[in-house]
Amino acid sequence: MHPMLNIAVRAARNAGDLIQRSADNIDRLTINQKSKYDYASEVDYQAEREIIRVIRNAYPEHAILAEESGEHEGNDYVWVIDPLDGTTNFLHGFPQYSVSIALKVKGKIELGVIYDPGRDELFTAERGGGAMLNNRRIRVARQASLQGALLGTGFPFRSEEHLDDYLAMFRSLCAATSGIRRPGSAALDLAYVAAGRLDGFWEIGLKEWDMAAGVLLIQEAGGVVTDFSFNSHYLQSGNIIAGNPKMHQLIYQHIEPHVTDKLK
């Protein structure tokens, strides 16, 4: 395992342990409402500080982009951190949340870790080295049609601007598949696509820390990831389609008629 991936795993597990120790005391936590539908608890901040501590101890010269504390200056190595993806789930005792850590080098994602502390499931990926779940190689599903497919998604909760467009996409895909799930942690949804648990995924308005690690997992598991314009600007636009090559194309065909200029 790459030394930097070892550090990411250690940081993710430390953060996950902290999160799980707090899971039985949710009613005592201090909660900050960042925006109308976006919350952060003291656990988010504590987990982020622990991740940054582990990374900075090993690589003090590296830069960091973290959900709660923003940008920390450094060199061309940038760690992209979501300390608790699925905070709303966590605060309700709904066991679907994760820690997500990725490393970009000169703008390219090279390492990714997503850790589900509740299930003790560790998803890891190295560029060119494949994707793993608890040290076993994973691949995207082979599903070649929407009939019988299970898709993941996320509602555009941060803004209602694109809600009508999203609902039109949802309506089209819902009628064509065997089911659509919205569990509430985009990082885990993407990890599930990499592991073949979901056949595909799409969402509007994600942040870089929501998807950086998951994107690499899917690519290293044999999948395809693009934005709604069929290119690789998803980290900038926040709009994403993912799946095996055939499933990705089928999802795109259903949502493309509802993609407005603002979503391209």
Protein backbone atom coordinates (compact mmCIF):
# COMPACT_ATOMS: atom_id res chain seq x y z
CA MET A 1 0.00 0.00 0.00
CA HIS A 2 1.24 3.48 -0.87
CA PRO A 3 2.61 5.30 2.23
CA MET A 4 0.25 8.22 1.67
CA LEU A 5 -2.69 5.83 1.39
CA ASN A 6 -1.63 4.37 4.74
CA ILE A 7 -1.82 7.85 6.24
CA ALA A 8 -5.26 8.43 4.72
CA VAL A 9 -6.50 5.11 6.13
CA ARG A 10 -5.14 5.92 9.57
CA ALA A 11 -6.77 9.36 9.51
CA ALA A 12 -10.11 7.95 8.34
CA ARG A 13 -10.15 5.21 10.97
CA ASN A 14 -9.24 7.67 13.74
CA ALA A 15 -12.04 9.98 12.65
CA GLY A 16 -14.44 7.05 12.37
CA ASP A 17 -13.62 5.90 15.91
CA LEU A 18 -14.31 9.41 17.19
CA ILE A 19 -17.62 9.54 15.32
CA GLN A 20 -18.77 6.18 16.66
CA ARG A 21 -17.89 7.10 20.25
CA SER A 22 -20.21 10.09 19.86
CA ALA A 23 -23.06 8.14 18.27
CA ASP A 24 -24.61 7.25 21.65
CA ASN A 25 -24.59 10.87 22.84
CA ILE A 26 -26.14 12.66 19.90
CA ASP A 27 -28.64 14.55 22.06
CA ARG A 28 -25.73 16.23 23.90
CA LEU A 29 -23.95 17.52 20.80
CA THR A 30 -23.65 21.16 19.80
CA ILE A 31 -25.06 21.63 16.29
CA ASN A 32 -24.31 24.50 13.92
CA GLN A 33 -26.73 25.35 11.11
CA LYS A 34 -24.47 26.41 8.24
CA SER A 35 -27.35 27.13 5.86
CA LYS A 36 -31.06 26.41 5.49
CA TYR A 37 -30.61 22.67 5.00
CA ASP A 38 -26.95 22.15 5.95
CA TYR A 39 -25.76 21.29 9.45
CA ALA A 40 -22.47 20.54 11.19
CA SER A 41 -22.07 19.09 14.65
CA GLU A 42 -19.12 19.37 16.99
CA VAL A 43 -18.28 15.83 15.87
CA ASP A 44 -17.74 17.09 12.29
CA TYR A 45 -15.22 19.63 13.56
CA GLN A 46 -13.50 17.19 15.92
CA ALA A 47 -13.21 14.52 13.23
CA GLU A 48 -11.82 17.04 10.75
CA ARG A 49 -9.22 18.26 13.24
CA GLU A 50 -8.12 14.66 13.85
CA ILE A 51 -7.77 13.97 10.12
CA ILE A 52 -5.75 17.15 9.62
CA ARG A 53 -3.56 16.31 12.62
CA VAL A 54 -2.66 12.89 11.21
CA ILE A 55 -1.95 14.28 7.74
CA ARG A 56 0.03 17.27 8.93
CA ASN A 57 2.15 15.12 11.25
CA ALA A 58 3.20 13.05 8.25
CA TYR A 59 3.21 15.70 5.53
CA PRO A 60 3.36 19.22 7.01
CA GLU A 61 4.06 20.78 3.61
CA HIS A 62 0.89 19.45 1.94
CA ALA A 63 -2.18 21.59 1.29
CA ILE A 64 -5.65 20.73 2.57
CA LEU A 65 -9.19 21.44 1.38
CA ALA A 66 -11.61 20.52 4.17
CA GLU A 67 -15.37 20.95 4.36
CA GLU A 68 -15.50 22.70 7.71
CA SER A 69 -12.24 24.68 7.86
CA GLY A 70 -11.70 25.40 4.18
CA GLU A 71 -8.34 25.76 2.48
CA HIS A 72 -5.00 25.26 4.23
CA GLU A 73 -2.05 26.42 2.13
CA GLY A 74 0.65 24.06 0.98
CA ASN A 75 2.31 22.58 -2.08
CA ASP A 76 0.90 20.69 -5.10
CA TYR A 77 -0.33 17.85 -2.87
CA VAL A 78 -3.90 18.67 -1.75
CA TRP A 79 -5.88 16.51 0.68
CA VAL A 80 -9.64 16.81 0.12
CA ILE A 81 -11.54 15.98 3.30
CA ASP A 82 -15.16 15.41 4.29
CA PRO A 83 -14.94 14.39 7.95
CA LEU A 84 -18.56 13.27 8.24
CA ASP A 85 -20.51 12.87 5.02
CA GLY A 86 -24.13 12.37 6.01
CA THR A 87 -24.26 14.59 9.09
CA THR A 88 -28.06 14.79 9.03
CA ASN A 89 -28.23 10.99 9.05
CA PHE A 90 -25.77 10.83 11.95
CA LEU A 91 -27.72 13.38 13.98
CA HIS A 92 -30.89 11.30 13.57
CA GLY A 93 -29.24 8.01 14.41
CA PHE A 94 -29.70 6.86 10.81
CA PRO A 95 -26.67 4.60 10.19
CA GLN A 96 -25.58 5.83 6.78
CA TYR A 97 -22.61 8.18 7.01
CA SER A 98 -18.92 8.08 6.22
CA VAL A 99 -15.48 9.68 6.30
CA SER A 100 -14.09 10.66 2.89
CA ILE A 101 -10.45 11.55 2.17
CA ALA A 102 -8.80 12.02 -1.24
CA LEU A 103 -5.38 13.21 -2.34
CA LYS A 104 -4.94 15.32 -5.45
CA VAL A 105 -1.51 15.87 -6.98
CA LYS A 106 -1.30 18.76 -9.43
CA GLY A 107 -5.07 18.63 -9.80
CA LYS A 108 -5.38 14.88 -10.43
CA ILE A 109 -6.95 12.56 -7.84
CA GLU A 110 -4.37 9.93 -6.93
CA LEU A 111 -5.69 8.33 -3.73
CA GLY A 112 -9.12 7.86 -2.20
CA VAL A 113 -10.46 6.48 1.07
CA ILE A 114 -14.09 6.20 2.19
CA TYR A 115 -14.71 4.69 5.61
CA ASP A 116 -18.07 3.59 7.00
CA PRO A 117 -17.42 3.38 10.76
CA GLY A 118 -20.79 1.82 11.57
CA ARG A 119 -20.13 -1.21 9.36
CA ASP A 120 -16.33 -1.05 9.60
CA GLU A 121 -16.12 -1.01 5.81
CA LEU A 122 -13.02 0.60 4.33
CA PHE A 123 -13.04 1.48 0.62
CA THR A 124 -9.64 2.42 -0.84
CA ALA A 125 -8.27 3.27 -4.27
CA GLU A 126 -4.91 4.15 -5.80
CA ARG A 127 -4.64 5.49 -9.33
CA GLY A 128 -3.57 2.56 -11.44
CA GLY A 129 -3.81 0.19 -8.50
CA GLY A 130 -7.47 -0.75 -8.46
CA ALA A 131 -10.22 -0.31 -5.88
CA MET A 132 -10.62 -2.34 -2.70
CA LEU A 133 -13.15 -3.00 0.04
CA ASN A 134 -11.49 -4.24 3.23
CA ASN A 135 -8.47 -5.32 1.12
CA ARG A 136 -10.57 -7.26 -1.42
CA ARG A 137 -10.75 -6.01 -5.00
CA ILE A 138 -14.09 -4.58 -6.13
CA ARG A 139 -15.63 -3.94 -9.55
CA VAL A 140 -18.62 -1.99 -10.79
CA ALA A 141 -21.75 -4.00 -11.56
CA ARG A 142 -22.18 -5.55 -15.01
CA GLN A 143 -25.81 -4.46 -15.36
CA ALA A 144 -26.32 -3.52 -19.02
CA SER A 145 -29.90 -2.21 -19.00
CA LEU A 146 -32.00 0.09 -16.88
CA GLN A 147 -34.63 -2.61 -16.52
CA GLY A 148 -33.71 -4.30 -13.25
CA ALA A 149 -31.13 -1.65 -12.33
CA LEU A 150 -30.84 -0.08 -8.88
CA LEU A 151 -29.64 3.53 -8.93
CA GLY A 152 -28.49 5.94 -6.25
CA THR A 153 -29.09 9.67 -6.16
CA GLY A 154 -29.24 12.68 -3.89
CA PHE A 155 -31.73 15.50 -3.79
CA PRO A 156 -30.30 19.00 -4.54
CA PHE A 157 -30.93 20.07 -0.95
CA ARG A 158 -28.49 22.98 -0.79
CA SER A 159 -30.48 24.94 -3.37
CA GLU A 160 -34.00 24.67 -4.77
CA GLU A 161 -32.92 26.31 -8.03
CA HIS A 162 -32.66 23.01 -9.92
CA LEU A 163 -35.34 21.05 -8.08
CA ASP A 164 -37.79 20.95 -11.00
CA ASP A 165 -35.04 19.78 -13.37
CA TYR A 166 -34.01 17.11 -10.89
CA LEU A 167 -37.56 15.87 -10.37
CA ALA A 168 -37.98 15.51 -14.13
CA MET A 169 -34.79 13.40 -14.23
CA PHE A 170 -36.01 11.36 -11.28
CA ARG A 171 -39.40 10.74 -12.90
CA SER A 172 -37.80 9.53 -16.12
CA LEU A 173 -35.34 7.16 -14.43
CA CYS A 174 -37.81 5.93 -11.82
CA ALA A 175 -40.11 4.67 -14.54
CA ALA A 176 -37.24 2.87 -16.29
CA THR A 177 -35.49 1.10 -13.38
CA SER A 178 -36.27 -1.34 -10.59
CA GLY A 179 -35.60 1.29 -7.94
CA ILE A 180 -33.84 4.48 -6.88
CA ARG A 181 -32.27 5.01 -3.45
CA ARG A 182 -31.40 8.23 -1.66
CA PRO A 183 -29.48 7.08 1.47
CA GLY A 184 -27.98 10.50 2.27
CA SER A 185 -24.20 10.07 2.02
CA ALA A 186 -22.93 10.78 -1.50
CA ALA A 187 -19.49 9.43 -0.66
CA LEU A 188 -20.94 6.07 0.35
CA ASP A 189 -23.26 6.06 -2.67
CA LEU A 190 -20.24 6.39 -4.95
CA ALA A 191 -18.38 3.70 -3.02
CA TYR A 192 -21.41 1.44 -3.49
CA VAL A 193 -21.29 2.02 -7.24
CA ALA A 194 -17.62 0.99 -7.20
CA ALA A 195 -18.52 -2.14 -5.23
CA GLY A 196 -21.43 -3.08 -7.52
CA ARG A 197 -24.09 -2.53 -4.85
CA LEU A 198 -25.60 0.27 -6.93
CA ASP A 199 -25.64 0.06 -10.71
CA GLY A 200 -25.32 3.81 -11.20
CA PHE A 201 -25.61 7.23 -9.59
CA TRP A 202 -26.38 10.83 -10.46
CA GLU A 203 -26.66 14.02 -8.47
CA ILE A 204 -26.76 17.80 -8.81
CA GLY A 205 -24.70 20.29 -6.80
CA LEU A 206 -22.20 18.18 -4.88
CA LYS A 207 -19.05 19.64 -3.39
CA GLU A 208 -15.55 18.46 -4.19
CA TRP A 209 -15.12 16.81 -0.79
CA ASP A 210 -18.36 14.85 -1.31
CA MET A 211 -17.09 13.04 -4.38
CA ALA A 212 -13.31 13.21 -4.89
CA ALA A 213 -12.55 9.87 -3.21
CA GLY A 214 -15.63 8.18 -4.66
CA VAL A 215 -14.79 9.24 -8.21
CA LEU A 216 -11.42 7.51 -8.06
CA LEU A 217 -12.96 4.40 -6.52
CA ILE A 218 -15.39 4.10 -9.42
CA GLN A 219 -12.76 4.73 -12.07
CA GLU A 220 -10.40 2.17 -10.53
CA ALA A 221 -13.28 -0.32 -10.30
CA GLY A 222 -13.86 -0.08 -14.05
CA GLY A 223 -16.56 2.59 -14.09
CA VAL A 224 -17.08 5.91 -15.83
CA VAL A 225 -17.67 9.30 -14.22
CA THR A 226 -18.62 12.53 -16.02
CA ASP A 227 -20.60 15.68 -15.46
CA PHE A 228 -23.86 16.41 -17.29
CA SER A 229 -21.97 17.60 -20.38
CA PHE A 230 -20.21 14.24 -20.72
CA ASN A 231 -16.83 15.67 -19.71
CA SER A 232 -14.63 15.59 -16.59
CA HIS A 233 -15.56 18.91 -14.98
CA TYR A 234 -17.64 17.29 -12.22
CA LEU A 235 -15.41 18.55 -9.41
CA GLN A 236 -16.08 22.10 -10.62
CA SER A 237 -19.77 21.81 -11.55
CA GLY A 238 -20.79 19.44 -8.75
CA ASN A 239 -22.99 17.54 -11.22
CA ILE A 240 -22.15 13.87 -11.66
CA ILE A 241 -23.17 10.70 -13.49
CA ALA A 242 -21.45 7.41 -12.63
CA GLY A 243 -21.73 3.73 -13.50
CA ASN A 244 -20.26 1.10 -15.76
CA PRO A 245 -19.78 2.42 -19.33
CA LYS A 246 -23.17 1.16 -20.56
CA MET A 247 -25.11 2.22 -17.47
CA HIS A 248 -23.50 5.65 -17.50
CA GLN A 249 -24.66 6.16 -21.08
CA LEU A 250 -28.21 5.00 -20.29
CA ILE A 251 -28.51 7.34 -17.31
CA TYR A 252 -27.21 10.21 -19.42
CA GLN A 253 -29.79 9.54 -22.11
CA HIS A 254 -32.61 9.87 -19.57
CA ILE A 255 -31.39 13.01 -17.83
CA GLU A 256 -29.99 14.90 -20.85
CA PRO A 257 -33.42 16.19 -22.00
CA HIS A 258 -33.80 17.88 -18.60
CA VAL A 259 -30.33 19.41 -18.36
CA THR A 260 -30.63 23.19 -18.62
CA ASP A 261 -27.78 25.49 -19.64
CA LYS A 262 -27.10 26.26 -15.96
CA LEU A 263 -26.40 22.57 -15.30
CA LYS A 264 -23.88 22.16 -18.14
